[in-house]
Protein backbone atom coordinates (compact mmCIF):
# COMPACT_ATOMS: atom_id res chain seq x y z
CA UNK A 1 0.00 0.00 0.00
CA UNK A 2 2.81 2.40 0.86
CA UNK A 3 4.42 1.75 -2.54
CA UNK A 4 1.17 2.52 -4.36
CA UNK A 5 0.84 5.75 -2.37
CA UNK A 6 4.45 6.71 -3.18
CA UNK A 7 3.91 6.02 -6.89
CA UNK A 8 0.80 8.21 -6.91
CA UNK A 9 2.55 11.04 -5.12
CA UNK A 10 5.55 10.91 -7.46
CA UNK A 11 3.60 11.20 -10.69
CA UNK A 12 4.11 14.98 -10.91
CA UNK A 13 0.52 15.91 -10.10
CA UNK A 14 -0.37 17.42 -6.79
CA UNK A 15 -2.43 14.48 -5.58
CA UNK A 16 -3.21 14.14 -1.91
CA UNK A 17 -3.19 10.44 -1.04
CA UNK A 18 -4.41 8.97 2.23
CA UNK A 19 -4.41 5.27 2.98
CA UNK A 20 -7.39 3.78 4.81
CA UNK A 21 -8.17 0.30 6.05
CA UNK A 22 -11.38 -1.59 6.71
CA UNK A 23 -10.23 -3.61 9.70
CA UNK A 24 -7.28 -4.38 11.96
CA UNK A 25 -5.25 -1.33 10.86
CA UNK A 26 -5.51 2.42 10.99
CA UNK A 27 -6.44 4.91 9.78
CA UNK A 28 -10.01 3.91 9.08
CA UNK A 29 -11.86 5.29 6.07
CA UNK A 30 -13.69 7.71 8.36
CA UNK A 31 -10.40 8.98 9.82
CA UNK A 32 -8.84 9.40 6.37
CA UNK A 33 -11.86 11.32 5.05
CA UNK A 34 -11.88 13.49 8.19
CA UNK A 35 -8.25 14.41 7.54
CA UNK A 36 -8.85 15.23 3.90
CA UNK A 37 -12.01 17.23 4.57
CA UNK A 38 -10.29 19.18 7.37
CA UNK A 39 -7.59 20.16 4.86
CA UNK A 40 -10.20 21.46 2.42
CA UNK A 41 -10.15 18.59 -0.07
CA UNK A 42 -13.43 18.70 -2.00
CA UNK A 43 -13.15 15.60 -4.19
CA UNK A 44 -12.25 12.21 -2.77
CA UNK A 45 -11.93 9.00 -4.77
CA UNK A 46 -12.02 5.84 -2.68
CA UNK A 47 -10.05 3.21 -4.60
CA UNK A 48 -10.33 -0.25 -3.04
CA UNK A 49 -7.08 -2.15 -3.50
CA UNK A 50 -8.74 -5.56 -3.56
CA UNK A 51 -8.57 -8.20 -6.28
CA UNK A 52 -12.35 -8.63 -6.49
CA UNK A 53 -15.70 -7.41 -5.21
CA UNK A 54 -15.93 -9.56 -2.08
CA UNK A 55 -18.06 -9.13 1.01
CA UNK A 56 -16.21 -6.08 2.28
CA UNK A 57 -16.75 -4.22 -0.96
CA UNK A 58 -20.34 -5.36 -1.47
CA UNK A 59 -21.61 -4.89 2.08
CA UNK A 60 -19.25 -3.00 4.38
CA UNK A 61 -17.75 -0.32 2.17
CA UNK A 62 -21.02 1.11 0.76
CA UNK A 63 -22.30 1.62 4.32
CA UNK A 64 -19.07 3.41 5.28
CA UNK A 65 -19.16 5.55 2.13
CA UNK A 66 -22.76 6.60 2.83
CA UNK A 67 -21.79 7.52 6.40
CA UNK A 68 -18.84 9.71 5.39
CA UNK A 69 -20.88 11.32 2.61
CA UNK A 70 -23.56 12.30 5.11
CA UNK A 71 -20.93 13.68 7.51
CA UNK A 72 -19.20 15.65 4.73
CA UNK A 73 -21.88 16.73 2.24
CA UNK A 74 -19.57 19.40 0.77
CA UNK A 75 -17.14 16.68 -0.39
CA UNK A 76 -17.73 14.71 -3.57
CA UNK A 77 -16.87 11.15 -2.53
CA UNK A 78 -16.80 8.47 -5.23
CA UNK A 79 -16.20 4.76 -4.92
CA UNK A 80 -14.18 3.04 -7.65
CA UNK A 81 -14.40 -0.63 -8.55
CA UNK A 82 -11.96 -3.04 -6.96
CA UNK A 83 -8.51 -2.41 -8.41
CA UNK A 84 -8.19 -6.06 -9.39
CA UNK A 85 -11.23 -5.77 -11.66
CA UNK A 86 -9.82 -2.93 -13.76
CA UNK A 87 -8.74 -3.96 -17.25
CA UNK A 88 -5.27 -2.44 -16.88
CA UNK A 89 -4.63 -4.25 -13.62
CA UNK A 90 -5.81 -7.56 -15.06
CA UNK A 91 -3.50 -7.07 -18.05
CA UNK A 92 -0.59 -6.22 -15.73
CA UNK A 93 -1.21 -9.35 -13.64
CA UNK A 94 -1.37 -11.48 -16.78
CA UNK A 95 1.93 -9.99 -17.97
CA UNK A 96 3.45 -10.69 -14.57
CA UNK A 97 2.30 -14.32 -14.74
CA UNK A 98 3.84 -14.68 -18.20
CA UNK A 99 7.11 -13.19 -16.92
CA UNK A 100 7.10 -15.71 -14.06
CA UNK A 101 6.87 -18.55 -16.57
CA UNK A 102 9.79 -17.12 -18.54
CA UNK A 103 11.93 -17.09 -15.39
CA UNK A 104 11.41 -20.81 -14.77
PDB file of N, CA and C in Angstrom:
ATOM      1  N   UNK A   1       0.819  -1.183   0.000  1.00  0.00           N
ATOM      2  CA  UNK A   1       0.000   0.000   0.000  1.00  0.00           C
ATOM      3  C   UNK A   1       0.873   1.260   0.000  1.00  0.00           C
ATOM      4  N   UNK A   2       1.913   1.234   0.801  1.00  0.00           N
ATOM      5  CA  UNK A   2       2.807   2.402   0.855  1.00  0.00           C
ATOM      6  C   UNK A   2       3.460   2.660  -0.500  1.00  0.00           C
ATOM      7  N   UNK A   3       3.791   1.594  -1.216  1.00  0.00           N
ATOM      8  CA  UNK A   3       4.421   1.752  -2.535  1.00  0.00           C
ATOM      9  C   UNK A   3       3.444   2.332  -3.545  1.00  0.00           C
ATOM     10  N   UNK A   4       2.184   1.946  -3.471  1.00  0.00           N
ATOM     11  CA  UNK A   4       1.170   2.525  -4.359  1.00  0.00           C
ATOM     12  C   UNK A   4       1.017   4.015  -4.054  1.00  0.00           C
ATOM     13  N   UNK A   5       0.948   4.336  -2.784  1.00  0.00           N
ATOM     14  CA  UNK A   5       0.842   5.747  -2.370  1.00  0.00           C
ATOM     15  C   UNK A   5       2.031   6.544  -2.898  1.00  0.00           C
ATOM     16  N   UNK A   6       3.242   6.013  -2.724  1.00  0.00           N
ATOM     17  CA  UNK A   6       4.452   6.709  -3.184  1.00  0.00           C
ATOM     18  C   UNK A   6       4.420   6.909  -4.693  1.00  0.00           C
ATOM     19  N   UNK A   7       3.985   5.897  -5.429  1.00  0.00           N
ATOM     20  CA  UNK A   7       3.912   6.020  -6.888  1.00  0.00           C
ATOM     21  C   UNK A   7       2.905   7.095  -7.292  1.00  0.00           C
ATOM     22  N   UNK A   8       1.790   7.173  -6.610  1.00  0.00           N
ATOM     23  CA  UNK A   8       0.797   8.207  -6.905  1.00  0.00           C
ATOM     24  C   UNK A   8       1.329   9.603  -6.604  1.00  0.00           C
ATOM     25  N   UNK A   9       2.036   9.729  -5.517  1.00  0.00           N
ATOM     26  CA  UNK A   9       2.546  11.040  -5.116  1.00  0.00           C
ATOM     27  C   UNK A   9       3.714  11.496  -5.987  1.00  0.00           C
ATOM     28  N   UNK A  10       4.396  10.570  -6.639  1.00  0.00           N
ATOM     29  CA  UNK A  10       5.550  10.912  -7.459  1.00  0.00           C
ATOM     30  C   UNK A  10       5.212  11.166  -8.917  1.00  0.00           C
ATOM     31  N   UNK A  11       3.942  11.102  -9.281  1.00  0.00           N
ATOM     32  CA  UNK A  11       3.595  11.203 -10.690  1.00  0.00           C
ATOM     33  C   UNK A  11       3.605  12.633 -11.231  1.00  0.00           C
ATOM     34  N   UNK A  12       3.999  13.607 -10.435  1.00  0.00           N
ATOM     35  CA  UNK A  12       4.107  14.978 -10.910  1.00  0.00           C
ATOM     36  C   UNK A  12       2.857  15.808 -10.695  1.00  0.00           C
ATOM     37  N   UNK A  13       1.730  15.159 -10.411  1.00  0.00           N
ATOM     38  CA  UNK A  13       0.516  15.908 -10.099  1.00  0.00           C
ATOM     39  C   UNK A  13       0.477  16.161  -8.602  1.00  0.00           C
ATOM     40  N   UNK A  14      -0.279  17.129  -8.217  1.00  0.00           N
ATOM     41  CA  UNK A  14      -0.374  17.423  -6.786  1.00  0.00           C
ATOM     42  C   UNK A  14      -1.540  16.644  -6.174  1.00  0.00           C
ATOM     43  N   UNK A  15      -1.403  15.325  -6.180  1.00  0.00           N
ATOM     44  CA  UNK A  15      -2.429  14.478  -5.584  1.00  0.00           C
ATOM     45  C   UNK A  15      -2.199  14.344  -4.093  1.00  0.00           C
ATOM     46  N   UNK A  16      -3.262  14.401  -3.354  1.00  0.00           N
ATOM     47  CA  UNK A  16      -3.209  14.135  -1.915  1.00  0.00           C
ATOM     48  C   UNK A  16      -3.688  12.705  -1.736  1.00  0.00           C
ATOM     49  N   UNK A  17      -2.865  11.862  -1.180  1.00  0.00           N
ATOM     50  CA  UNK A  17      -3.192  10.442  -1.043  1.00  0.00           C
ATOM     51  C   UNK A  17      -3.190  10.071   0.432  1.00  0.00           C
ATOM     52  N   UNK A  18      -4.300   9.494   0.869  1.00  0.00           N
ATOM     53  CA  UNK A  18      -4.411   8.972   2.228  1.00  0.00           C
ATOM     54  C   UNK A  18      -4.736   7.491   2.131  1.00  0.00           C
ATOM     55  N   UNK A  19      -4.073   6.679   2.901  1.00  0.00           N
ATOM     56  CA  UNK A  19      -4.411   5.267   2.978  1.00  0.00           C
ATOM     57  C   UNK A  19      -5.492   5.088   4.035  1.00  0.00           C
ATOM     58  N   UNK A  20      -6.354   4.106   3.826  1.00  0.00           N
ATOM     59  CA  UNK A  20      -7.387   3.784   4.811  1.00  0.00           C
ATOM     60  C   UNK A  20      -7.594   2.272   4.789  1.00  0.00           C
ATOM     61  N   UNK A  21      -8.020   1.742   5.911  1.00  0.00           N
ATOM     62  CA  UNK A  21      -8.167   0.302   6.048  1.00  0.00           C
ATOM     63  C   UNK A  21      -9.538  -0.018   6.621  1.00  0.00           C
ATOM     64  N   UNK A  22     -10.050  -1.192   6.257  1.00  0.00           N
ATOM     65  CA  UNK A  22     -11.384  -1.590   6.713  1.00  0.00           C
ATOM     66  C   UNK A  22     -11.370  -2.278   8.067  1.00  0.00           C
ATOM     67  N   UNK A  23     -10.283  -2.976   8.381  1.00  0.00           N
ATOM     68  CA  UNK A  23     -10.229  -3.607   9.697  1.00  0.00           C
ATOM     69  C   UNK A  23      -8.782  -3.911  10.076  1.00  0.00           C
ATOM     70  N   UNK A  24      -8.559  -3.999  11.359  1.00  0.00           N
ATOM     71  CA  UNK A  24      -7.283  -4.382  11.957  1.00  0.00           C
ATOM     72  C   UNK A  24      -6.177  -3.325  11.879  1.00  0.00           C
ATOM     73  N   UNK A  25      -6.294  -2.340  10.996  1.00  0.00           N
ATOM     74  CA  UNK A  25      -5.247  -1.326  10.856  1.00  0.00           C
ATOM     75  C   UNK A  25      -5.875   0.058  10.822  1.00  0.00           C
ATOM     76  N   UNK A  26      -5.050   1.042  11.056  1.00  0.00           N
ATOM     77  CA  UNK A  26      -5.510   2.421  10.987  1.00  0.00           C
ATOM     78  C   UNK A  26      -4.650   3.182   9.997  1.00  0.00           C
ATOM     79  N   UNK A  27      -5.175   4.258   9.464  1.00  0.00           N
ATOM     80  CA  UNK A  27      -6.443   4.910   9.782  1.00  0.00           C
ATOM     81  C   UNK A  27      -7.621   4.198   9.112  1.00  0.00           C
ATOM     82  N   UNK A  28      -8.783   4.409   9.682  1.00  0.00           N
ATOM     83  CA  UNK A  28     -10.013   3.911   9.078  1.00  0.00           C
ATOM     84  C   UNK A  28     -10.399   4.836   7.935  1.00  0.00           C
ATOM     85  N   UNK A  29     -11.366   4.426   7.151  1.00  0.00           N
ATOM     86  CA  UNK A  29     -11.860   5.286   6.072  1.00  0.00           C
ATOM     87  C   UNK A  29     -12.399   6.594   6.645  1.00  0.00           C
ATOM     88  N   UNK A  30     -13.139   6.502   7.726  1.00  0.00           N
ATOM     89  CA  UNK A  30     -13.687   7.706   8.359  1.00  0.00           C
ATOM     90  C   UNK A  30     -12.572   8.656   8.776  1.00  0.00           C
ATOM     91  N   UNK A  31     -11.525   8.126   9.393  1.00  0.00           N
ATOM     92  CA  UNK A  31     -10.403   8.979   9.817  1.00  0.00           C
ATOM     93  C   UNK A  31      -9.700   9.618   8.624  1.00  0.00           C
ATOM     94  N   UNK A  32      -9.514   8.862   7.557  1.00  0.00           N
ATOM     95  CA  UNK A  32      -8.839   9.399   6.368  1.00  0.00           C
ATOM     96  C   UNK A  32      -9.674  10.504   5.733  1.00  0.00           C
ATOM     97  N   UNK A  33     -10.979  10.288   5.616  1.00  0.00           N
ATOM     98  CA  UNK A  33     -11.857  11.318   5.046  1.00  0.00           C
ATOM     99  C   UNK A  33     -11.880  12.542   5.944  1.00  0.00           C
ATOM    100  N   UNK A  34     -11.908  12.358   7.250  1.00  0.00           N
ATOM    101  CA  UNK A  34     -11.877  13.486   8.188  1.00  0.00           C
ATOM    102  C   UNK A  34     -10.645  14.346   7.950  1.00  0.00           C
ATOM    103  N   UNK A  35      -9.503  13.696   7.792  1.00  0.00           N
ATOM    104  CA  UNK A  35      -8.247  14.410   7.536  1.00  0.00           C
ATOM    105  C   UNK A  35      -8.314  15.211   6.246  1.00  0.00           C
ATOM    106  N   UNK A  36      -8.774  14.565   5.193  1.00  0.00           N
ATOM    107  CA  UNK A  36      -8.853  15.226   3.897  1.00  0.00           C
ATOM    108  C   UNK A  36      -9.832  16.396   3.925  1.00  0.00           C
ATOM    109  N   UNK A  37     -10.994  16.170   4.499  1.00  0.00           N
ATOM    110  CA  UNK A  37     -12.005  17.235   4.574  1.00  0.00           C
ATOM    111  C   UNK A  37     -11.509  18.404   5.416  1.00  0.00           C
ATOM    112  N   UNK A  38     -10.825  18.117   6.509  1.00  0.00           N
ATOM    113  CA  UNK A  38     -10.291  19.183   7.368  1.00  0.00           C
ATOM    114  C   UNK A  38      -9.263  20.033   6.633  1.00  0.00           C
ATOM    115  N   UNK A  39      -8.583  19.428   5.654  1.00  0.00           N
ATOM    116  CA  UNK A  39      -7.586  20.156   4.865  1.00  0.00           C
ATOM    117  C   UNK A  39      -8.196  20.830   3.632  1.00  0.00           C
ATOM    118  N   UNK A  40      -9.529  20.765   3.513  1.00  0.00           N
ATOM    119  CA  UNK A  40     -10.201  21.455   2.422  1.00  0.00           C
ATOM    120  C   UNK A  40     -10.307  20.684   1.119  1.00  0.00           C
ATOM    121  N   UNK A  41     -10.027  19.401   1.142  1.00  0.00           N
ATOM    122  CA  UNK A  41     -10.147  18.591  -0.073  1.00  0.00           C
ATOM    123  C   UNK A  41     -11.640  18.443  -0.394  1.00  0.00           C
ATOM    124  N   UNK A  42     -12.022  18.739  -1.622  1.00  0.00           N
ATOM    125  CA  UNK A  42     -13.429  18.704  -2.004  1.00  0.00           C
ATOM    126  C   UNK A  42     -13.843  17.498  -2.823  1.00  0.00           C
ATOM    127  N   UNK A  43     -12.870  16.800  -3.396  1.00  0.00           N
ATOM    128  CA  UNK A  43     -13.146  15.602  -4.195  1.00  0.00           C
ATOM    129  C   UNK A  43     -12.288  14.457  -3.692  1.00  0.00           C
ATOM    130  N   UNK A  44     -12.954  13.372  -3.312  1.00  0.00           N
ATOM    131  CA  UNK A  44     -12.250  12.208  -2.771  1.00  0.00           C
ATOM    132  C   UNK A  44     -12.671  10.981  -3.567  1.00  0.00           C
ATOM    133  N   UNK A  45     -11.681  10.262  -4.086  1.00  0.00           N
ATOM    134  CA  UNK A  45     -11.933   8.995  -4.773  1.00  0.00           C
ATOM    135  C   UNK A  45     -11.461   7.868  -3.866  1.00  0.00           C
ATOM    136  N   UNK A  46     -12.369   7.016  -3.485  1.00  0.00           N
ATOM    137  CA  UNK A  46     -12.022   5.844  -2.682  1.00  0.00           C
ATOM    138  C   UNK A  46     -11.734   4.710  -3.661  1.00  0.00           C
ATOM    139  N   UNK A  47     -10.490   4.235  -3.652  1.00  0.00           N
ATOM    140  CA  UNK A  47     -10.046   3.211  -4.599  1.00  0.00           C
ATOM    141  C   UNK A  47      -9.698   1.945  -3.816  1.00  0.00           C
ATOM    142  N   UNK A  48     -10.593   0.975  -3.792  1.00  0.00           N
ATOM    143  CA  UNK A  48     -10.332  -0.253  -3.038  1.00  0.00           C
ATOM    144  C   UNK A  48      -9.241  -1.102  -3.700  1.00  0.00           C
ATOM    145  N   UNK A  49      -8.176  -1.346  -2.964  1.00  0.00           N
ATOM    146  CA  UNK A  49      -7.080  -2.154  -3.497  1.00  0.00           C
ATOM    147  C   UNK A  49      -7.342  -3.608  -3.079  1.00  0.00           C
ATOM    148  N   UNK A  50      -8.334  -4.170  -3.741  1.00  0.00           N
ATOM    149  CA  UNK A  50      -8.738  -5.557  -3.557  1.00  0.00           C
ATOM    150  C   UNK A  50      -8.703  -6.204  -4.932  1.00  0.00           C
ATOM    151  N   UNK A  51      -8.568  -7.519  -4.986  1.00  0.00           N
ATOM    152  CA  UNK A  51      -8.566  -8.200  -6.276  1.00  0.00           C
ATOM    153  C   UNK A  51      -9.969  -8.360  -6.852  1.00  0.00           C
ATOM    154  N   UNK A  52     -10.995  -8.413  -5.996  1.00  0.00           N
ATOM    155  CA  UNK A  52     -12.353  -8.632  -6.488  1.00  0.00           C
ATOM    156  C   UNK A  52     -13.369  -8.009  -5.535  1.00  0.00           C
ATOM    157  N   UNK A  53     -14.599  -7.940  -5.994  1.00  0.00           N
ATOM    158  CA  UNK A  53     -15.702  -7.410  -5.206  1.00  0.00           C
ATOM    159  C   UNK A  53     -16.175  -8.472  -4.219  1.00  0.00           C
ATOM    160  N   UNK A  54     -15.513  -8.603  -3.101  1.00  0.00           N
ATOM    161  CA  UNK A  54     -15.925  -9.558  -2.083  1.00  0.00           C
ATOM    162  C   UNK A  54     -16.901  -8.924  -1.105  1.00  0.00           C
ATOM    163  N   UNK A  55     -17.101  -9.587   0.005  1.00  0.00           N
ATOM    164  CA  UNK A  55     -18.058  -9.130   1.012  1.00  0.00           C
ATOM    165  C   UNK A  55     -17.795  -7.739   1.533  1.00  0.00           C
ATOM    166  N   UNK A  56     -16.522  -7.421   1.791  1.00  0.00           N
ATOM    167  CA  UNK A  56     -16.208  -6.080   2.281  1.00  0.00           C
ATOM    168  C   UNK A  56     -16.662  -5.008   1.301  1.00  0.00           C
ATOM    169  N   UNK A  57     -16.415  -5.242   0.037  1.00  0.00           N
ATOM    170  CA  UNK A  57     -16.750  -4.220  -0.959  1.00  0.00           C
ATOM    171  C   UNK A  57     -18.236  -4.188  -1.281  1.00  0.00           C
ATOM    172  N   UNK A  58     -18.903  -5.320  -1.170  1.00  0.00           N
ATOM    173  CA  UNK A  58     -20.336  -5.357  -1.473  1.00  0.00           C
ATOM    174  C   UNK A  58     -21.186  -4.885  -0.303  1.00  0.00           C
ATOM    175  N   UNK A  59     -20.769  -5.190   0.919  1.00  0.00           N
ATOM    176  CA  UNK A  59     -21.606  -4.886   2.082  1.00  0.00           C
ATOM    177  C   UNK A  59     -21.048  -3.761   2.944  1.00  0.00           C
ATOM    178  N   UNK A  60     -19.814  -3.903   3.382  1.00  0.00           N
ATOM    179  CA  UNK A  60     -19.255  -2.995   4.378  1.00  0.00           C
ATOM    180  C   UNK A  60     -18.915  -1.613   3.816  1.00  0.00           C
ATOM    181  N   UNK A  61     -18.232  -1.594   2.706  1.00  0.00           N
ATOM    182  CA  UNK A  61     -17.753  -0.323   2.173  1.00  0.00           C
ATOM    183  C   UNK A  61     -18.881   0.626   1.763  1.00  0.00           C
ATOM    184  N   UNK A  62     -19.937   0.170   1.084  1.00  0.00           N
ATOM    185  CA  UNK A  62     -21.021   1.109   0.760  1.00  0.00           C
ATOM    186  C   UNK A  62     -21.638   1.778   1.989  1.00  0.00           C
ATOM    187  N   UNK A  63     -21.754   1.045   3.086  1.00  0.00           N
ATOM    188  CA  UNK A  63     -22.298   1.620   4.323  1.00  0.00           C
ATOM    189  C   UNK A  63     -21.354   2.705   4.848  1.00  0.00           C
ATOM    190  N   UNK A  64     -20.050   2.421   4.835  1.00  0.00           N
ATOM    191  CA  UNK A  64     -19.066   3.411   5.281  1.00  0.00           C
ATOM    192  C   UNK A  64     -19.056   4.644   4.380  1.00  0.00           C
ATOM    193  N   UNK A  65     -19.154   4.432   3.079  1.00  0.00           N
ATOM    194  CA  UNK A  65     -19.161   5.550   2.132  1.00  0.00           C
ATOM    195  C   UNK A  65     -20.383   6.431   2.385  1.00  0.00           C
ATOM    196  N   UNK A  66     -21.549   5.817   2.554  1.00  0.00           N
ATOM    197  CA  UNK A  66     -22.762   6.600   2.835  1.00  0.00           C
ATOM    198  C   UNK A  66     -22.607   7.415   4.109  1.00  0.00           C
ATOM    199  N   UNK A  67     -21.988   6.820   5.121  1.00  0.00           N
ATOM    200  CA  UNK A  67     -21.795   7.524   6.396  1.00  0.00           C
ATOM    201  C   UNK A  67     -20.873   8.728   6.236  1.00  0.00           C
ATOM    202  N   UNK A  68     -19.752   8.573   5.537  1.00  0.00           N
ATOM    203  CA  UNK A  68     -18.836   9.712   5.390  1.00  0.00           C
ATOM    204  C   UNK A  68     -19.412  10.761   4.453  1.00  0.00           C
ATOM    205  N   UNK A  69     -20.209  10.339   3.477  1.00  0.00           N
ATOM    206  CA  UNK A  69     -20.881  11.320   2.609  1.00  0.00           C
ATOM    207  C   UNK A  69     -21.858  12.171   3.412  1.00  0.00           C
ATOM    208  N   UNK A  70     -22.589  11.538   4.321  1.00  0.00           N
ATOM    209  CA  UNK A  70     -23.555  12.303   5.113  1.00  0.00           C
ATOM    210  C   UNK A  70     -22.863  13.229   6.110  1.00  0.00           C
ATOM    211  N   UNK A  71     -21.698  12.837   6.578  1.00  0.00           N
ATOM    212  CA  UNK A  71     -20.931  13.677   7.508  1.00  0.00           C
ATOM    213  C   UNK A  71     -20.249  14.837   6.789  1.00  0.00           C
ATOM    214  N   UNK A  72     -19.924  14.633   5.516  1.00  0.00           N
ATOM    215  CA  UNK A  72     -19.198  15.647   4.731  1.00  0.00           C
ATOM    216  C   UNK A  72     -19.921  15.911   3.401  1.00  0.00           C
ATOM    217  N   UNK A  73     -21.106  16.520   3.466  1.00  0.00           N
ATOM    218  CA  UNK A  73     -21.880  16.734   2.236  1.00  0.00           C
ATOM    219  C   UNK A  73     -21.206  17.675   1.233  1.00  0.00           C
ATOM    220  N   UNK A  74     -20.266  18.484   1.684  1.00  0.00           N
ATOM    221  CA  UNK A  74     -19.571  19.396   0.770  1.00  0.00           C
ATOM    222  C   UNK A  74     -18.506  18.677  -0.055  1.00  0.00           C
ATOM    223  N   UNK A  75     -18.144  17.465   0.345  1.00  0.00           N
ATOM    224  CA  UNK A  75     -17.138  16.680  -0.385  1.00  0.00           C
ATOM    225  C   UNK A  75     -17.838  15.765  -1.392  1.00  0.00           C
ATOM    226  N   UNK A  76     -17.275  15.690  -2.573  1.00  0.00           N
ATOM    227  CA  UNK A  76     -17.728  14.714  -3.567  1.00  0.00           C
ATOM    228  C   UNK A  76     -16.903  13.453  -3.329  1.00  0.00           C
ATOM    229  N   UNK A  77     -17.562  12.395  -2.865  1.00  0.00           N
ATOM    230  CA  UNK A  77     -16.865  11.153  -2.529  1.00  0.00           C
ATOM    231  C   UNK A  77     -17.358  10.061  -3.469  1.00  0.00           C
ATOM    232  N   UNK A  78     -16.439   9.534  -4.285  1.00  0.00           N
ATOM    233  CA  UNK A  78     -16.799   8.474  -5.230  1.00  0.00           C
ATOM    234  C   UNK A  78     -16.116   7.176  -4.820  1.00  0.00           C
ATOM    235  N   UNK A  79     -16.733   6.085  -5.207  1.00  0.00           N
ATOM    236  CA  UNK A  79     -16.200   4.755  -4.920  1.00  0.00           C
ATOM    237  C   UNK A  79     -15.885   4.067  -6.232  1.00  0.00           C
ATOM    238  N   UNK A  80     -14.619   3.737  -6.441  1.00  0.00           N
ATOM    239  CA  UNK A  80     -14.182   3.039  -7.652  1.00  0.00           C
ATOM    240  C   UNK A  80     -14.413   1.543  -7.496  1.00  0.00           C
ATOM    241  N   UNK A  81     -14.330   0.834  -8.613  1.00  0.00           N
ATOM    242  CA  UNK A  81     -14.399  -0.628  -8.550  1.00  0.00           C
ATOM    243  C   UNK A  81     -13.133  -1.166  -7.900  1.00  0.00           C
ATOM    244  N   UNK A  82     -13.162  -2.407  -7.519  1.00  0.00           N
ATOM    245  CA  UNK A  82     -11.961  -3.039  -6.958  1.00  0.00           C
ATOM    246  C   UNK A  82     -10.836  -2.942  -7.974  1.00  0.00           C
ATOM    247  N   UNK A  83      -9.657  -2.588  -7.507  1.00  0.00           N
ATOM    248  CA  UNK A  83      -8.512  -2.411  -8.410  1.00  0.00           C
ATOM    249  C   UNK A  83      -8.274  -3.653  -9.256  1.00  0.00           C
ATOM    250  N   UNK A  84      -8.441  -4.818  -8.673  1.00  0.00           N
ATOM    251  CA  UNK A  84      -8.194  -6.062  -9.387  1.00  0.00           C
ATOM    252  C   UNK A  84      -9.188  -6.361 -10.489  1.00  0.00           C
ATOM    253  N   UNK A  85     -10.254  -5.575 -10.597  1.00  0.00           N
ATOM    254  CA  UNK A  85     -11.234  -5.772 -11.659  1.00  0.00           C
ATOM    255  C   UNK A  85     -11.038  -4.794 -12.816  1.00  0.00           C
ATOM    256  N   UNK A  86     -10.089  -3.893 -12.683  1.00  0.00           N
ATOM    257  CA  UNK A  86      -9.815  -2.930 -13.755  1.00  0.00           C
ATOM    258  C   UNK A  86      -9.032  -3.616 -14.872  1.00  0.00           C
ATOM    259  N   UNK A  87      -9.386  -3.321 -16.109  1.00  0.00           N
ATOM    260  CA  UNK A  87      -8.744  -3.964 -17.253  1.00  0.00           C
ATOM    261  C   UNK A  87      -7.221  -3.831 -17.231  1.00  0.00           C
ATOM    262  N   UNK A  88      -6.715  -2.656 -16.905  1.00  0.00           N
ATOM    263  CA  UNK A  88      -5.269  -2.444 -16.882  1.00  0.00           C
ATOM    264  C   UNK A  88      -4.571  -3.282 -15.825  1.00  0.00           C
ATOM    265  N   UNK A  89      -5.219  -3.443 -14.694  1.00  0.00           N
ATOM    266  CA  UNK A  89      -4.632  -4.254 -13.615  1.00  0.00           C
ATOM    267  C   UNK A  89      -4.651  -5.729 -14.010  1.00  0.00           C
ATOM    268  N   UNK A  90      -5.735  -6.173 -14.604  1.00  0.00           N
ATOM    269  CA  UNK A  90      -5.811  -7.564 -15.062  1.00  0.00           C
ATOM    270  C   UNK A  90      -4.721  -7.831 -16.098  1.00  0.00           C
ATOM    271  N   UNK A  91      -4.541  -6.913 -17.030  1.00  0.00           N
ATOM    272  CA  UNK A  91      -3.497  -7.070 -18.045  1.00  0.00           C
ATOM    273  C   UNK A  91      -2.111  -7.101 -17.405  1.00  0.00           C
ATOM    274  N   UNK A  92      -1.886  -6.239 -16.414  1.00  0.00           N
ATOM    275  CA  UNK A  92      -0.590  -6.216 -15.726  1.00  0.00           C
ATOM    276  C   UNK A  92      -0.344  -7.524 -14.981  1.00  0.00           C
ATOM    277  N   UNK A  93      -1.368  -8.079 -14.351  1.00  0.00           N
ATOM    278  CA  UNK A  93      -1.206  -9.348 -13.638  1.00  0.00           C
ATOM    279  C   UNK A  93      -0.950 -10.490 -14.617  1.00  0.00           C
ATOM    280  N   UNK A  94      -1.607 -10.456 -15.766  1.00  0.00           N
ATOM    281  CA  UNK A  94      -1.366 -11.484 -16.778  1.00  0.00           C
ATOM    282  C   UNK A  94       0.068 -11.397 -17.297  1.00  0.00           C
ATOM    283  N   UNK A  95       0.540 -10.167 -17.536  1.00  0.00           N
ATOM    284  CA  UNK A  95       1.929  -9.986 -17.972  1.00  0.00           C
ATOM    285  C   UNK A  95       2.900 -10.490 -16.914  1.00  0.00           C
ATOM    286  N   UNK A  96       2.601 -10.211 -15.670  1.00  0.00           N
ATOM    287  CA  UNK A  96       3.450 -10.686 -14.571  1.00  0.00           C
ATOM    288  C   UNK A  96       3.499 -12.213 -14.557  1.00  0.00           C
ATOM    289  N   UNK A  97       2.342 -12.859 -14.730  1.00  0.00           N
ATOM    290  CA  UNK A  97       2.296 -14.318 -14.738  1.00  0.00           C
ATOM    291  C   UNK A  97       3.129 -14.889 -15.893  1.00  0.00           C
ATOM    292  N   UNK A  98       3.036 -14.251 -17.058  1.00  0.00           N
ATOM    293  CA  UNK A  98       3.841 -14.681 -18.201  1.00  0.00           C
ATOM    294  C   UNK A  98       5.332 -14.526 -17.899  1.00  0.00           C
ATOM    295  N   UNK A  99       5.697 -13.414 -17.281  1.00  0.00           N
ATOM    296  CA  UNK A  99       7.108 -13.194 -16.917  1.00  0.00           C
ATOM    297  C   UNK A  99       7.587 -14.255 -15.930  1.00  0.00           C
ATOM    298  N   UNK A 100       6.732 -14.666 -15.025  1.00  0.00           N
ATOM    299  CA  UNK A 100       7.105 -15.706 -14.064  1.00  0.00           C
ATOM    300  C   UNK A 100       7.394 -17.017 -14.783  1.00  0.00           C
ATOM    301  N   UNK A 101       6.631 -17.326 -15.802  1.00  0.00           N
ATOM    302  CA  UNK A 101       6.868 -18.552 -16.569  1.00  0.00           C
ATOM    303  C   UNK A 101       8.196 -18.473 -17.315  1.00  0.00           C
ATOM    304  N   UNK A 102       8.526 -17.284 -17.815  1.00  0.00           N
ATOM    305  CA  UNK A 102       9.786 -17.116 -18.537  1.00  0.00           C
ATOM    306  C   UNK A 102      11.001 -17.299 -17.615  1.00  0.00           C
ATOM    307  N   UNK A 103      10.825 -17.006 -16.345  1.00  0.00           N
ATOM    308  CA  UNK A 103      11.927 -17.094 -15.386  1.00  0.00           C
ATOM    309  C   UNK A 103      12.192 -18.524 -14.945  1.00  0.00           C
ATOM    310  N   UNK A 104      11.285 -19.419 -15.232  1.00  0.00           N
ATOM    311  CA  UNK A 104      11.408 -20.811 -14.769  1.00  0.00           C
ATOM    312  C   UNK A 104      12.437 -21.564 -15.574  1.00  0.00           C
TER     313      UNK A 104
END
